[in-house]
């Protein structure tokens, strides 16, 4: 699952124009200055990369994904479900 984390870090860095070196599991999206539109683009890119559907409500994004690790864990769970 470490590859999943690295891929997600790369997607966040690309879509939100964040220095890859600043991204770590406990980094808060807000602190990385990830905007709401960036989150939507990140979600789309993750769905395409991992062939999963992320249940995402743009109105509740603050509640769902506070940290980079929240995103990673959600994707890992979806991948495990689809493989199950």
PDB file of N, CA and C in Angstrom:
ATOM      1  N   UNK A   1       0.815  -1.209   0.000  1.00  0.00           N
ATOM      2  CA  UNK A   1       0.000   0.000   0.000  1.00  0.00           C
ATOM      3  C   UNK A   1       0.858   1.273   0.000  1.00  0.00           C
ATOM      4  N   UNK A   2       2.148   1.120   0.199  1.00  0.00           N
ATOM      5  CA  UNK A   2       3.025   2.294   0.202  1.00  0.00           C
ATOM      6  C   UNK A   2       3.015   2.987  -1.149  1.00  0.00           C
ATOM      7  N   UNK A   3       2.865   2.226  -2.235  1.00  0.00           N
ATOM      8  CA  UNK A   3       2.804   2.823  -3.564  1.00  0.00           C
ATOM      9  C   UNK A   3       1.574   3.706  -3.711  1.00  0.00           C
ATOM     10  N   UNK A   4       0.484   3.301  -3.082  1.00  0.00           N
ATOM     11  CA  UNK A   4      -0.744   4.092  -3.129  1.00  0.00           C
ATOM     12  C   UNK A   4      -0.487   5.456  -2.501  1.00  0.00           C
ATOM     13  N   UNK A   5       0.154   5.468  -1.355  1.00  0.00           N
ATOM     14  CA  UNK A   5       0.444   6.722  -0.671  1.00  0.00           C
ATOM     15  C   UNK A   5       1.310   7.626  -1.549  1.00  0.00           C
ATOM     16  N   UNK A   6       2.355   7.074  -2.136  1.00  0.00           N
ATOM     17  CA  UNK A   6       3.233   7.855  -2.998  1.00  0.00           C
ATOM     18  C   UNK A   6       2.504   8.424  -4.202  1.00  0.00           C
ATOM     19  N   UNK A   7       1.642   7.597  -4.802  1.00  0.00           N
ATOM     20  CA  UNK A   7       0.862   8.066  -5.952  1.00  0.00           C
ATOM     21  C   UNK A   7      -0.077   9.201  -5.551  1.00  0.00           C
ATOM     22  N   UNK A   8      -0.690   9.074  -4.396  1.00  0.00           N
ATOM     23  CA  UNK A   8      -1.593  10.128  -3.923  1.00  0.00           C
ATOM     24  C   UNK A   8      -0.816  11.403  -3.621  1.00  0.00           C
ATOM     25  N   UNK A   9       0.349  11.273  -3.010  1.00  0.00           N
ATOM     26  CA  UNK A   9       1.192  12.443  -2.768  1.00  0.00           C
ATOM     27  C   UNK A   9       1.505  13.144  -4.091  1.00  0.00           C
ATOM     28  N   UNK A  10       1.851  12.341  -5.112  1.00  0.00           N
ATOM     29  CA  UNK A  10       2.172  12.904  -6.425  1.00  0.00           C
ATOM     30  C   UNK A  10       0.974  13.630  -7.032  1.00  0.00           C
ATOM     31  N   UNK A  11      -0.208  13.029  -6.907  1.00  0.00           N
ATOM     32  CA  UNK A  11      -1.425  13.645  -7.448  1.00  0.00           C
ATOM     33  C   UNK A  11      -1.716  14.960  -6.739  1.00  0.00           C
ATOM     34  N   UNK A  12      -1.600  14.974  -5.418  1.00  0.00           N
ATOM     35  CA  UNK A  12      -1.841  16.211  -4.665  1.00  0.00           C
ATOM     36  C   UNK A  12      -0.843  17.282  -5.078  1.00  0.00           C
ATOM     37  N   UNK A  13       0.422  16.903  -5.199  1.00  0.00           N
ATOM     38  CA  UNK A  13       1.452  17.866  -5.596  1.00  0.00           C
ATOM     39  C   UNK A  13       1.145  18.463  -6.964  1.00  0.00           C
ATOM     40  N   UNK A  14       0.740  17.607  -7.912  1.00  0.00           N
ATOM     41  CA  UNK A  14       0.466  18.071  -9.271  1.00  0.00           C
ATOM     42  C   UNK A  14      -0.795  18.925  -9.345  1.00  0.00           C
ATOM     43  N   UNK A  15      -1.887  18.413  -8.818  1.00  0.00           N
ATOM     44  CA  UNK A  15      -3.179  19.089  -8.975  1.00  0.00           C
ATOM     45  C   UNK A  15      -3.300  20.356  -8.142  1.00  0.00           C
ATOM     46  N   UNK A  16      -2.643  20.392  -6.978  1.00  0.00           N
ATOM     47  CA  UNK A  16      -2.758  21.561  -6.105  1.00  0.00           C
ATOM     48  C   UNK A  16      -1.512  22.463  -6.185  1.00  0.00           C
ATOM     49  N   UNK A  17      -0.578  22.102  -7.064  1.00  0.00           N
ATOM     50  CA  UNK A  17       0.661  22.874  -7.224  1.00  0.00           C
ATOM     51  C   UNK A  17       1.368  23.080  -5.886  1.00  0.00           C
ATOM     52  N   UNK A  18       1.519  21.960  -5.152  1.00  0.00           N
ATOM     53  CA  UNK A  18       2.185  21.973  -3.853  1.00  0.00           C
ATOM     54  C   UNK A  18       3.541  21.296  -4.020  1.00  0.00           C
ATOM     55  N   UNK A  19       4.569  21.858  -3.401  1.00  0.00           N
ATOM     56  CA  UNK A  19       5.892  21.249  -3.417  1.00  0.00           C
ATOM     57  C   UNK A  19       5.788  19.846  -2.832  1.00  0.00           C
ATOM     58  N   UNK A  20       6.209  18.846  -3.584  1.00  0.00           N
ATOM     59  CA  UNK A  20       6.085  17.434  -3.170  1.00  0.00           C
ATOM     60  C   UNK A  20       6.763  17.200  -1.821  1.00  0.00           C
ATOM     61  N   UNK A  21       7.821  17.925  -1.541  1.00  0.00           N
ATOM     62  CA  UNK A  21       8.551  17.771  -0.292  1.00  0.00           C
ATOM     63  C   UNK A  21       7.769  18.204   0.936  1.00  0.00           C
ATOM     64  N   UNK A  22       6.737  19.021   0.745  1.00  0.00           N
ATOM     65  CA  UNK A  22       5.919  19.484   1.862  1.00  0.00           C
ATOM     66  C   UNK A  22       4.803  18.507   2.222  1.00  0.00           C
ATOM     67  N   UNK A  23       4.588  17.525   1.368  1.00  0.00           N
ATOM     68  CA  UNK A  23       3.469  16.602   1.565  1.00  0.00           C
ATOM     69  C   UNK A  23       3.921  15.411   2.397  1.00  0.00           C
ATOM     70  N   UNK A  24       3.219  15.179   3.495  1.00  0.00           N
ATOM     71  CA  UNK A  24       3.443  14.009   4.338  1.00  0.00           C
ATOM     72  C   UNK A  24       2.086  13.586   4.891  1.00  0.00           C
ATOM     73  N   UNK A  25       2.024  12.407   5.464  1.00  0.00           N
ATOM     74  CA  UNK A  25       0.748  11.821   5.888  1.00  0.00           C
ATOM     75  C   UNK A  25      -0.059  12.725   6.809  1.00  0.00           C
ATOM     76  N   UNK A  26       0.589  13.395   7.733  1.00  0.00           N
ATOM     77  CA  UNK A  26      -0.140  14.204   8.708  1.00  0.00           C
ATOM     78  C   UNK A  26      -0.342  15.648   8.272  1.00  0.00           C
ATOM     79  N   UNK A  27       0.093  15.980   7.070  1.00  0.00           N
ATOM     80  CA  UNK A  27      -0.090  17.347   6.566  1.00  0.00           C
ATOM     81  C   UNK A  27      -1.579  17.622   6.376  1.00  0.00           C
ATOM     82  N   UNK A  28      -2.028  18.751   6.905  1.00  0.00           N
ATOM     83  CA  UNK A  28      -3.419  19.144   6.724  1.00  0.00           C
ATOM     84  C   UNK A  28      -3.561  19.810   5.356  1.00  0.00           C
ATOM     85  N   UNK A  29      -4.630  19.438   4.652  1.00  0.00           N
ATOM     86  CA  UNK A  29      -4.857  20.005   3.325  1.00  0.00           C
ATOM     87  C   UNK A  29      -4.931  21.530   3.388  1.00  0.00           C
ATOM     88  N   UNK A  30      -5.537  22.028   4.450  1.00  0.00           N
ATOM     89  CA  UNK A  30      -5.656  23.476   4.615  1.00  0.00           C
ATOM     90  C   UNK A  30      -4.275  24.133   4.734  1.00  0.00           C
ATOM     91  N   UNK A  31      -3.389  23.498   5.478  1.00  0.00           N
ATOM     92  CA  UNK A  31      -2.038  24.040   5.645  1.00  0.00           C
ATOM     93  C   UNK A  31      -1.241  23.999   4.341  1.00  0.00           C
ATOM     94  N   UNK A  32      -1.561  23.033   3.487  1.00  0.00           N
ATOM     95  CA  UNK A  32      -0.903  22.939   2.183  1.00  0.00           C
ATOM     96  C   UNK A  32      -1.523  23.909   1.176  1.00  0.00           C
ATOM     97  N   UNK A  33      -2.536  24.635   1.639  1.00  0.00           N
ATOM     98  CA  UNK A  33      -3.265  25.598   0.813  1.00  0.00           C
ATOM     99  C   UNK A  33      -3.951  24.935  -0.380  1.00  0.00           C
ATOM    100  N   UNK A  34      -4.495  23.735  -0.123  1.00  0.00           N
ATOM    101  CA  UNK A  34      -5.268  23.028  -1.138  1.00  0.00           C
ATOM    102  C   UNK A  34      -6.665  23.645  -1.158  1.00  0.00           C
ATOM    103  N   UNK A  35      -7.031  24.215  -2.281  1.00  0.00           N
ATOM    104  CA  UNK A  35      -8.336  24.871  -2.436  1.00  0.00           C
ATOM    105  C   UNK A  35      -9.419  23.847  -2.765  1.00  0.00           C
ATOM    106  N   UNK A  36     -10.667  24.248  -2.635  1.00  0.00           N
ATOM    107  CA  UNK A  36     -11.773  23.319  -2.883  1.00  0.00           C
ATOM    108  C   UNK A  36     -11.776  22.792  -4.318  1.00  0.00           C
ATOM    109  N   UNK A  37     -11.456  23.641  -5.278  1.00  0.00           N
ATOM    110  CA  UNK A  37     -11.391  23.172  -6.667  1.00  0.00           C
ATOM    111  C   UNK A  37     -10.257  22.160  -6.834  1.00  0.00           C
ATOM    112  N   UNK A  38      -9.148  22.392  -6.129  1.00  0.00           N
ATOM    113  CA  UNK A  38      -8.041  21.438  -6.162  1.00  0.00           C
ATOM    114  C   UNK A  38      -8.494  20.077  -5.633  1.00  0.00           C
ATOM    115  N   UNK A  39      -9.284  20.090  -4.566  1.00  0.00           N
ATOM    116  CA  UNK A  39      -9.765  18.833  -3.983  1.00  0.00           C
ATOM    117  C   UNK A  39     -10.582  18.054  -5.011  1.00  0.00           C
ATOM    118  N   UNK A  40     -11.439  18.748  -5.731  1.00  0.00           N
ATOM    119  CA  UNK A  40     -12.255  18.090  -6.754  1.00  0.00           C
ATOM    120  C   UNK A  40     -11.351  17.475  -7.828  1.00  0.00           C
ATOM    121  N   UNK A  41     -10.355  18.213  -8.291  1.00  0.00           N
ATOM    122  CA  UNK A  41      -9.427  17.693  -9.299  1.00  0.00           C
ATOM    123  C   UNK A  41      -8.619  16.517  -8.753  1.00  0.00           C
ATOM    124  N   UNK A  42      -8.229  16.601  -7.490  1.00  0.00           N
ATOM    125  CA  UNK A  42      -7.492  15.507  -6.855  1.00  0.00           C
ATOM    126  C   UNK A  42      -8.358  14.255  -6.800  1.00  0.00           C
ATOM    127  N   UNK A  43      -9.613  14.418  -6.398  1.00  0.00           N
ATOM    128  CA  UNK A  43     -10.539  13.283  -6.324  1.00  0.00           C
ATOM    129  C   UNK A  43     -10.701  12.629  -7.695  1.00  0.00           C
ATOM    130  N   UNK A  44     -10.928  13.437  -8.733  1.00  0.00           N
ATOM    131  CA  UNK A  44     -11.079  12.893 -10.088  1.00  0.00           C
ATOM    132  C   UNK A  44      -9.828  12.137 -10.524  1.00  0.00           C
ATOM    133  N   UNK A  45      -8.658  12.705 -10.247  1.00  0.00           N
ATOM    134  CA  UNK A  45      -7.406  12.060 -10.639  1.00  0.00           C
ATOM    135  C   UNK A  45      -7.206  10.739  -9.895  1.00  0.00           C
ATOM    136  N   UNK A  46      -7.547  10.727  -8.606  1.00  0.00           N
ATOM    137  CA  UNK A  46      -7.421   9.493  -7.814  1.00  0.00           C
ATOM    138  C   UNK A  46      -8.383   8.435  -8.334  1.00  0.00           C
ATOM    139  N   UNK A  47      -9.614   8.825  -8.618  1.00  0.00           N
ATOM    140  CA  UNK A  47     -10.598   7.872  -9.140  1.00  0.00           C
ATOM    141  C   UNK A  47     -10.104   7.254 -10.446  1.00  0.00           C
ATOM    142  N   UNK A  48      -9.546   8.078 -11.308  1.00  0.00           N
ATOM    143  CA  UNK A  48      -9.040   7.583 -12.590  1.00  0.00           C
ATOM    144  C   UNK A  48      -7.831   6.669 -12.388  1.00  0.00           C
ATOM    145  N   UNK A  49      -6.897   7.083 -11.544  1.00  0.00           N
ATOM    146  CA  UNK A  49      -5.659   6.324 -11.317  1.00  0.00           C
ATOM    147  C   UNK A  49      -5.935   4.951 -10.716  1.00  0.00           C
ATOM    148  N   UNK A  50      -6.841   4.891  -9.727  1.00  0.00           N
ATOM    149  CA  UNK A  50      -7.061   3.648  -8.985  1.00  0.00           C
ATOM    150  C   UNK A  50      -8.356   2.933  -9.358  1.00  0.00           C
ATOM    151  N   UNK A  51      -9.106   3.487 -10.318  1.00  0.00           N
ATOM    152  CA  UNK A  51     -10.364   2.888 -10.777  1.00  0.00           C
ATOM    153  C   UNK A  51     -11.318   2.634  -9.602  1.00  0.00           C
ATOM    154  N   UNK A  52     -11.529   3.691  -8.801  1.00  0.00           N
ATOM    155  CA  UNK A  52     -12.458   3.627  -7.676  1.00  0.00           C
ATOM    156  C   UNK A  52     -13.410   4.823  -7.768  1.00  0.00           C
ATOM    157  N   UNK A  53     -14.519   4.722  -7.068  1.00  0.00           N
ATOM    158  CA  UNK A  53     -15.452   5.837  -6.953  1.00  0.00           C
ATOM    159  C   UNK A  53     -15.400   6.333  -5.514  1.00  0.00           C
ATOM    160  N   UNK A  54     -15.015   7.583  -5.353  1.00  0.00           N
ATOM    161  CA  UNK A  54     -14.916   8.162  -4.022  1.00  0.00           C
ATOM    162  C   UNK A  54     -16.203   8.908  -3.724  1.00  0.00           C
ATOM    163  N   UNK A  55     -16.941   8.465  -2.702  1.00  0.00           N
ATOM    164  CA  UNK A  55     -18.155   9.197  -2.339  1.00  0.00           C
ATOM    165  C   UNK A  55     -17.739  10.538  -1.741  1.00  0.00           C
ATOM    166  N   UNK A  56     -17.967  11.582  -2.493  1.00  0.00           N
ATOM    167  CA  UNK A  56     -17.460  12.898  -2.103  1.00  0.00           C
ATOM    168  C   UNK A  56     -18.553  13.932  -2.248  1.00  0.00           C
ATOM    169  N   UNK A  57     -18.759  14.696  -1.199  1.00  0.00           N
ATOM    170  CA  UNK A  57     -19.712  15.798  -1.236  1.00  0.00           C
ATOM    171  C   UNK A  57     -18.904  17.073  -1.056  1.00  0.00           C
ATOM    172  N   UNK A  58     -18.833  17.874  -2.083  1.00  0.00           N
ATOM    173  CA  UNK A  58     -18.020  19.093  -2.047  1.00  0.00           C
ATOM    174  C   UNK A  58     -18.434  20.013  -0.902  1.00  0.00           C
ATOM    175  N   UNK A  59     -19.674  19.940  -0.497  1.00  0.00           N
ATOM    176  CA  UNK A  59     -20.145  20.793   0.599  1.00  0.00           C
ATOM    177  C   UNK A  59     -19.626  20.331   1.958  1.00  0.00           C
ATOM    178  N   UNK A  60     -19.219  19.061   2.058  1.00  0.00           N
ATOM    179  CA  UNK A  60     -18.759  18.514   3.332  1.00  0.00           C
ATOM    180  C   UNK A  60     -17.278  18.162   3.327  1.00  0.00           C
ATOM    181  N   UNK A  61     -16.520  18.660   2.356  1.00  0.00           N
ATOM    182  CA  UNK A  61     -15.138  18.227   2.209  1.00  0.00           C
ATOM    183  C   UNK A  61     -14.300  18.451   3.455  1.00  0.00           C
ATOM    184  N   UNK A  62     -14.570  19.506   4.215  1.00  0.00           N
ATOM    185  CA  UNK A  62     -13.780  19.753   5.411  1.00  0.00           C
ATOM    186  C   UNK A  62     -13.952  18.600   6.404  1.00  0.00           C
ATOM    187  N   UNK A  63     -15.117  17.997   6.417  1.00  0.00           N
ATOM    188  CA  UNK A  63     -15.392  16.920   7.352  1.00  0.00           C
ATOM    189  C   UNK A  63     -14.766  15.606   6.911  1.00  0.00           C
ATOM    190  N   UNK A  64     -14.625  15.419   5.613  1.00  0.00           N
ATOM    191  CA  UNK A  64     -14.170  14.140   5.097  1.00  0.00           C
ATOM    192  C   UNK A  64     -12.653  14.030   5.001  1.00  0.00           C
ATOM    193  N   UNK A  65     -12.008  15.057   4.532  1.00  0.00           N
ATOM    194  CA  UNK A  65     -10.572  14.999   4.276  1.00  0.00           C
ATOM    195  C   UNK A  65      -9.870  16.186   4.921  1.00  0.00           C
ATOM    196  N   UNK A  66      -9.399  15.993   6.134  1.00  0.00           N
ATOM    197  CA  UNK A  66      -8.645  17.053   6.811  1.00  0.00           C
ATOM    198  C   UNK A  66      -7.157  16.945   6.512  1.00  0.00           C
ATOM    199  N   UNK A  67      -6.661  15.699   6.465  1.00  0.00           N
ATOM    200  CA  UNK A  67      -5.233  15.488   6.243  1.00  0.00           C
ATOM    201  C   UNK A  67      -5.002  14.647   4.989  1.00  0.00           C
ATOM    202  N   UNK A  68      -3.753  14.639   4.563  1.00  0.00           N
ATOM    203  CA  UNK A  68      -3.371  13.795   3.430  1.00  0.00           C
ATOM    204  C   UNK A  68      -3.647  12.331   3.785  1.00  0.00           C
ATOM    205  N   UNK A  69      -3.383  11.954   5.022  1.00  0.00           N
ATOM    206  CA  UNK A  69      -3.623  10.577   5.447  1.00  0.00           C
ATOM    207  C   UNK A  69      -5.099  10.194   5.357  1.00  0.00           C
ATOM    208  N   UNK A  70      -6.005  11.142   5.596  1.00  0.00           N
ATOM    209  CA  UNK A  70      -7.440  10.858   5.438  1.00  0.00           C
ATOM    210  C   UNK A  70      -7.732  10.421   4.004  1.00  0.00           C
ATOM    211  N   UNK A  71      -7.115  11.089   3.059  1.00  0.00           N
ATOM    212  CA  UNK A  71      -7.309  10.750   1.646  1.00  0.00           C
ATOM    213  C   UNK A  71      -6.731   9.362   1.365  1.00  0.00           C
ATOM    214  N   UNK A  72      -5.516   9.123   1.834  1.00  0.00           N
ATOM    215  CA  UNK A  72      -4.851   7.834   1.604  1.00  0.00           C
ATOM    216  C   UNK A  72      -5.676   6.696   2.188  1.00  0.00           C
ATOM    217  N   UNK A  73      -6.124   6.829   3.423  1.00  0.00           N
ATOM    218  CA  UNK A  73      -6.894   5.763   4.079  1.00  0.00           C
ATOM    219  C   UNK A  73      -8.214   5.503   3.353  1.00  0.00           C
ATOM    220  N   UNK A  74      -8.862   6.558   2.897  1.00  0.00           N
ATOM    221  CA  UNK A  74     -10.117   6.383   2.161  1.00  0.00           C
ATOM    222  C   UNK A  74      -9.888   5.601   0.872  1.00  0.00           C
ATOM    223  N   UNK A  75      -8.837   5.953   0.156  1.00  0.00           N
ATOM    224  CA  UNK A  75      -8.540   5.260  -1.104  1.00  0.00           C
ATOM    225  C   UNK A  75      -8.138   3.812  -0.835  1.00  0.00           C
ATOM    226  N   UNK A  76      -7.294   3.577   0.171  1.00  0.00           N
ATOM    227  CA  UNK A  76      -6.907   2.210   0.511  1.00  0.00           C
ATOM    228  C   UNK A  76      -8.129   1.368   0.854  1.00  0.00           C
ATOM    229  N   UNK A  77      -9.078   1.948   1.581  1.00  0.00           N
ATOM    230  CA  UNK A  77     -10.299   1.224   1.926  1.00  0.00           C
ATOM    231  C   UNK A  77     -11.143   0.888   0.703  1.00  0.00           C
ATOM    232  N   UNK A  78     -11.246   1.840  -0.220  1.00  0.00           N
ATOM    233  CA  UNK A  78     -12.023   1.608  -1.441  1.00  0.00           C
ATOM    234  C   UNK A  78     -11.368   0.536  -2.315  1.00  0.00           C
ATOM    235  N   UNK A  79     -10.050   0.565  -2.390  1.00  0.00           N
ATOM    236  CA  UNK A  79      -9.341  -0.435  -3.179  1.00  0.00           C
ATOM    237  C   UNK A  79      -9.520  -1.822  -2.552  1.00  0.00           C
ATOM    238  N   UNK A  80      -9.429  -1.903  -1.235  1.00  0.00           N
ATOM    239  CA  UNK A  80      -9.630  -3.189  -0.543  1.00  0.00           C
ATOM    240  C   UNK A  80     -11.040  -3.711  -0.762  1.00  0.00           C
ATOM    241  N   UNK A  81     -12.031  -2.825  -0.723  1.00  0.00           N
ATOM    242  CA  UNK A  81     -13.425  -3.228  -0.960  1.00  0.00           C
ATOM    243  C   UNK A  81     -13.602  -3.787  -2.357  1.00  0.00           C
ATOM    244  N   UNK A  82     -13.034  -3.104  -3.349  1.00  0.00           N
ATOM    245  CA  UNK A  82     -13.213  -3.538  -4.739  1.00  0.00           C
ATOM    246  C   UNK A  82     -12.467  -4.840  -5.016  1.00  0.00           C
ATOM    247  N   UNK A  83     -11.400  -5.105  -4.270  1.00  0.00           N
ATOM    248  CA  UNK A  83     -10.636  -6.338  -4.448  1.00  0.00           C
ATOM    249  C   UNK A  83     -11.264  -7.499  -3.690  1.00  0.00           C
ATOM    250  N   UNK A  84     -12.064  -7.148  -2.660  1.00  0.00           N
ATOM    251  CA  UNK A  84     -12.615  -8.108  -1.720  1.00  0.00           C
ATOM    252  C   UNK A  84     -13.485  -9.138  -2.295  1.00  0.00           C
TER     253      UNK A  84
END
